[in-house]
Amino acid sequence: MIYGQFETYLDQHEQIYAYTRTLGEESWLVLLNISEQPAACNIADCGAEKLGDIVIGNNADRTNRETIIEMLPYEAIVYRVLKRGL
């Protein structure tokens, strides 16, 4: 995940650092709650229309792929981003 196009999102969000990494046909959305408080974000504001599987994260109980992602304090999630129509 060090190669490819890098694009940040939610630049004004005080709690969540979000970016996508894209290389060829593969794209990932990385969400990091960098605060000690729960935080939420909308995936549409992060350049993704639909999320695929969780590639890695530090919350073993996370299963949601909802439009609004409710994150725990200091939670990190990497989602595979699905292409339109999948």
N, C-alpha and C. Protein backbone atom coordinates (compact mmCIF):
# COMPACT_ATOMS: atom_id res chain seq x y z
N MET A 1 0.81 -1.20 0.00
CA MET A 1 0.00 0.00 0.00
C MET A 1 0.85 1.27 0.00
N ILE A 2 2.09 1.15 -0.34
CA ILE A 2 2.93 2.35 -0.41
C ILE A 2 2.99 2.92 -1.82
N TYR A 3 2.51 2.17 -2.80
CA TYR A 3 2.54 2.62 -4.18
C TYR A 3 1.14 3.02 -4.63
N GLY A 4 1.07 3.83 -5.66
CA GLY A 4 -0.21 4.20 -6.22
C GLY A 4 -0.62 5.62 -5.86
N GLN A 5 -1.78 5.98 -6.34
CA GLN A 5 -2.33 7.31 -6.11
C GLN A 5 -2.84 7.43 -4.68
N PHE A 6 -2.52 8.53 -4.04
CA PHE A 6 -2.90 8.81 -2.65
C PHE A 6 -3.77 10.05 -2.65
N GLU A 7 -4.94 9.96 -2.01
CA GLU A 7 -5.83 11.12 -1.94
C GLU A 7 -6.45 11.20 -0.56
N THR A 8 -6.34 12.36 0.09
CA THR A 8 -6.91 12.54 1.42
C THR A 8 -8.34 13.04 1.33
N TYR A 9 -9.09 12.78 2.38
CA TYR A 9 -10.49 13.21 2.51
C TYR A 9 -10.71 13.71 3.92
N LEU A 10 -11.82 14.36 4.15
CA LEU A 10 -12.21 14.85 5.47
C LEU A 10 -11.13 15.73 6.08
N ASP A 11 -10.49 16.55 5.27
CA ASP A 11 -9.37 17.36 5.75
C ASP A 11 -9.73 18.27 6.92
N GLN A 12 -10.98 18.63 7.05
CA GLN A 12 -11.40 19.51 8.15
C GLN A 12 -11.92 18.74 9.37
N HIS A 13 -11.99 17.43 9.26
CA HIS A 13 -12.48 16.61 10.39
C HIS A 13 -11.43 16.61 11.49
N GLU A 14 -11.83 16.89 12.70
CA GLU A 14 -10.89 16.99 13.81
C GLU A 14 -10.49 15.64 14.40
N GLN A 15 -11.23 14.59 14.08
CA GLN A 15 -10.97 13.29 14.70
C GLN A 15 -10.53 12.22 13.71
N ILE A 16 -10.98 12.29 12.47
CA ILE A 16 -10.73 11.20 11.53
C ILE A 16 -9.78 11.64 10.42
N TYR A 17 -8.75 10.84 10.23
CA TYR A 17 -7.84 11.00 9.10
C TYR A 17 -8.24 9.94 8.09
N ALA A 18 -8.58 10.35 6.88
CA ALA A 18 -9.09 9.42 5.87
C ALA A 18 -8.36 9.63 4.55
N TYR A 19 -8.04 8.52 3.88
CA TYR A 19 -7.43 8.61 2.57
C TYR A 19 -7.70 7.34 1.77
N THR A 20 -7.58 7.47 0.47
CA THR A 20 -7.64 6.31 -0.41
C THR A 20 -6.27 6.12 -1.03
N ARG A 21 -5.98 4.87 -1.31
CA ARG A 21 -4.76 4.48 -2.03
C ARG A 21 -5.23 3.63 -3.19
N THR A 22 -4.85 4.01 -4.41
CA THR A 22 -5.29 3.30 -5.60
C THR A 22 -4.09 2.95 -6.47
N LEU A 23 -4.05 1.69 -6.88
CA LEU A 23 -3.02 1.23 -7.80
C LEU A 23 -3.68 0.28 -8.78
N GLY A 24 -3.69 0.65 -10.04
CA GLY A 24 -4.34 -0.17 -11.05
C GLY A 24 -5.83 -0.30 -10.76
N GLU A 25 -6.30 -1.53 -10.68
CA GLU A 25 -7.72 -1.80 -10.45
C GLU A 25 -8.06 -1.89 -8.96
N GLU A 26 -7.05 -1.82 -8.09
CA GLU A 26 -7.25 -2.00 -6.64
C GLU A 26 -7.29 -0.66 -5.93
N SER A 27 -8.27 -0.50 -5.02
CA SER A 27 -8.39 0.74 -4.26
C SER A 27 -8.77 0.41 -2.83
N TRP A 28 -8.18 1.13 -1.88
CA TRP A 28 -8.46 0.94 -0.46
C TRP A 28 -8.81 2.27 0.17
N LEU A 29 -9.72 2.22 1.14
CA LEU A 29 -10.07 3.39 1.95
C LEU A 29 -9.53 3.14 3.35
N VAL A 30 -8.70 4.05 3.83
CA VAL A 30 -8.11 3.95 5.16
C VAL A 30 -8.76 5.00 6.04
N LEU A 31 -9.33 4.55 7.16
CA LEU A 31 -9.97 5.44 8.13
C LEU A 31 -9.26 5.29 9.46
N LEU A 32 -8.83 6.39 10.05
CA LEU A 32 -8.14 6.38 11.33
C LEU A 32 -8.81 7.39 12.26
N ASN A 33 -9.35 6.92 13.36
CA ASN A 33 -9.87 7.83 14.37
C ASN A 33 -8.68 8.14 15.28
N ILE A 34 -8.17 9.34 15.18
CA ILE A 34 -6.97 9.71 15.91
C ILE A 34 -7.28 10.41 17.23
N SER A 35 -8.48 10.18 17.76
CA SER A 35 -8.88 10.82 19.01
C SER A 35 -9.31 9.78 20.05
N GLU A 36 -9.46 10.25 21.26
CA GLU A 36 -9.90 9.38 22.34
C GLU A 36 -11.42 9.33 22.48
N GLN A 37 -12.13 9.95 21.52
CA GLN A 37 -13.59 9.97 21.51
C GLN A 37 -14.12 9.20 20.29
N PRO A 38 -15.31 8.60 20.39
CA PRO A 38 -15.92 8.00 19.20
C PRO A 38 -16.11 9.08 18.13
N ALA A 39 -16.10 8.65 16.87
CA ALA A 39 -16.27 9.59 15.76
C ALA A 39 -17.01 8.89 14.63
N ALA A 40 -17.64 9.67 13.77
CA ALA A 40 -18.39 9.10 12.65
C ALA A 40 -18.02 9.83 11.36
N CYS A 41 -18.15 9.09 10.26
CA CYS A 41 -17.95 9.71 8.95
C CYS A 41 -18.84 9.01 7.93
N ASN A 42 -19.09 9.71 6.86
CA ASN A 42 -19.90 9.20 5.76
C ASN A 42 -18.95 8.77 4.66
N ILE A 43 -19.08 7.53 4.18
CA ILE A 43 -18.14 7.05 3.16
C ILE A 43 -18.25 7.85 1.86
N ALA A 44 -19.41 8.45 1.60
CA ALA A 44 -19.56 9.27 0.40
C ALA A 44 -18.63 10.48 0.45
N ASP A 45 -18.29 10.95 1.66
CA ASP A 45 -17.38 12.07 1.82
C ASP A 45 -15.92 11.63 1.71
N CYS A 46 -15.71 10.33 1.54
CA CYS A 46 -14.36 9.76 1.47
C CYS A 46 -14.06 9.18 0.09
N GLY A 47 -14.79 9.58 -0.90
CA GLY A 47 -14.53 9.15 -2.26
C GLY A 47 -14.95 7.73 -2.57
N ALA A 48 -15.77 7.13 -1.72
CA ALA A 48 -16.21 5.74 -1.95
C ALA A 48 -17.73 5.69 -2.03
N GLU A 49 -18.23 4.93 -2.97
CA GLU A 49 -19.67 4.72 -3.07
C GLU A 49 -20.09 3.44 -2.37
N LYS A 50 -19.22 2.43 -2.42
CA LYS A 50 -19.54 1.14 -1.85
C LYS A 50 -18.27 0.50 -1.32
N LEU A 51 -18.35 -0.04 -0.11
CA LEU A 51 -17.19 -0.66 0.51
C LEU A 51 -17.24 -2.17 0.38
N GLY A 52 -16.11 -2.76 0.18
CA GLY A 52 -15.98 -4.21 0.14
C GLY A 52 -15.55 -4.72 1.50
N ASP A 53 -14.75 -5.76 1.49
CA ASP A 53 -14.29 -6.38 2.73
C ASP A 53 -13.36 -5.47 3.51
N ILE A 54 -13.29 -5.74 4.81
CA ILE A 54 -12.29 -5.09 5.64
C ILE A 54 -10.98 -5.83 5.41
N VAL A 55 -9.96 -5.11 5.00
CA VAL A 55 -8.65 -5.70 4.76
C VAL A 55 -7.93 -5.92 6.08
N ILE A 56 -7.98 -4.92 6.95
CA ILE A 56 -7.38 -5.01 8.28
C ILE A 56 -7.99 -3.93 9.16
N GLY A 57 -7.99 -4.17 10.44
CA GLY A 57 -8.49 -3.19 11.40
C GLY A 57 -8.14 -3.64 12.80
N ASN A 58 -8.31 -2.74 13.76
CA ASN A 58 -7.98 -3.09 15.13
C ASN A 58 -9.21 -3.30 16.01
N ASN A 59 -10.38 -3.45 15.38
CA ASN A 59 -11.62 -3.77 16.12
C ASN A 59 -12.17 -5.07 15.54
N ALA A 60 -11.91 -6.16 16.22
CA ALA A 60 -12.29 -7.48 15.73
C ALA A 60 -13.80 -7.64 15.56
N ASP A 61 -14.58 -6.82 16.26
CA ASP A 61 -16.04 -6.92 16.18
C ASP A 61 -16.64 -6.15 15.01
N ARG A 62 -15.84 -5.38 14.30
CA ARG A 62 -16.37 -4.55 13.22
C ARG A 62 -16.78 -5.42 12.04
N THR A 63 -18.02 -5.25 11.63
CA THR A 63 -18.52 -5.96 10.46
C THR A 63 -19.31 -5.04 9.54
N ASN A 64 -19.63 -3.84 10.00
CA ASN A 64 -20.53 -3.01 9.19
C ASN A 64 -19.87 -2.44 7.96
N ARG A 65 -20.67 -2.30 6.96
CA ARG A 65 -20.28 -1.63 5.73
C ARG A 65 -21.35 -0.60 5.40
N GLU A 66 -21.79 0.08 6.41
CA GLU A 66 -22.86 1.06 6.26
C GLU A 66 -22.33 2.34 5.62
N THR A 67 -23.23 3.20 5.26
CA THR A 67 -22.86 4.48 4.68
C THR A 67 -22.19 5.37 5.71
N ILE A 68 -22.69 5.33 6.94
CA ILE A 68 -22.10 6.08 8.05
C ILE A 68 -21.28 5.10 8.89
N ILE A 69 -20.00 5.38 9.04
CA ILE A 69 -19.11 4.52 9.82
C ILE A 69 -18.92 5.15 11.19
N GLU A 70 -19.36 4.44 12.23
CA GLU A 70 -19.17 4.87 13.62
C GLU A 70 -17.89 4.22 14.12
N MET A 71 -16.91 5.04 14.44
CA MET A 71 -15.60 4.52 14.84
C MET A 71 -15.36 4.67 16.33
N LEU A 72 -14.71 3.68 16.90
CA LEU A 72 -14.29 3.72 18.30
C LEU A 72 -13.08 4.63 18.45
N PRO A 73 -12.77 5.07 19.67
CA PRO A 73 -11.55 5.84 19.88
C PRO A 73 -10.33 5.06 19.38
N TYR A 74 -9.46 5.72 18.66
CA TYR A 74 -8.21 5.17 18.13
C TYR A 74 -8.41 3.96 17.22
N GLU A 75 -9.58 3.84 16.63
CA GLU A 75 -9.83 2.72 15.72
C GLU A 75 -9.22 3.00 14.35
N ALA A 76 -8.72 1.95 13.73
CA ALA A 76 -8.16 2.01 12.38
C ALA A 76 -8.83 0.94 11.54
N ILE A 77 -9.24 1.30 10.31
CA ILE A 77 -9.90 0.36 9.41
C ILE A 77 -9.38 0.58 7.99
N VAL A 78 -9.13 -0.50 7.28
CA VAL A 78 -8.80 -0.43 5.87
C VAL A 78 -9.85 -1.26 5.13
N TYR A 79 -10.60 -0.60 4.26
CA TYR A 79 -11.63 -1.25 3.45
C TYR A 79 -11.16 -1.37 2.01
N ARG A 80 -11.53 -2.44 1.36
CA ARG A 80 -11.39 -2.53 -0.09
C ARG A 80 -12.56 -1.73 -0.67
N VAL A 81 -12.29 -0.88 -1.63
CA VAL A 81 -13.33 -0.08 -2.26
C VAL A 81 -13.78 -0.81 -3.51
N LEU A 82 -15.09 -1.02 -3.63
CA LEU A 82 -15.65 -1.70 -4.79
C LEU A 82 -15.93 -0.71 -5.91
N LYS A 83 -15.72 -1.15 -7.10
CA LYS A 83 -16.02 -0.32 -8.25
C LYS A 83 -17.52 -0.19 -8.43
N ARG A 84 -17.94 0.86 -9.06
CA ARG A 84 -19.35 1.12 -9.31
C ARG A 84 -19.99 -0.07 -10.01
N GLY A 85 -21.17 -0.47 -9.51
CA GLY A 85 -21.92 -1.56 -10.13
C GLY A 85 -21.63 -2.92 -9.53
N LEU A 86 -20.68 -3.03 -8.60
CA LEU A 86 -20.39 -4.33 -7.98
C LEU A 86 -21.19 -4.51 -6.71
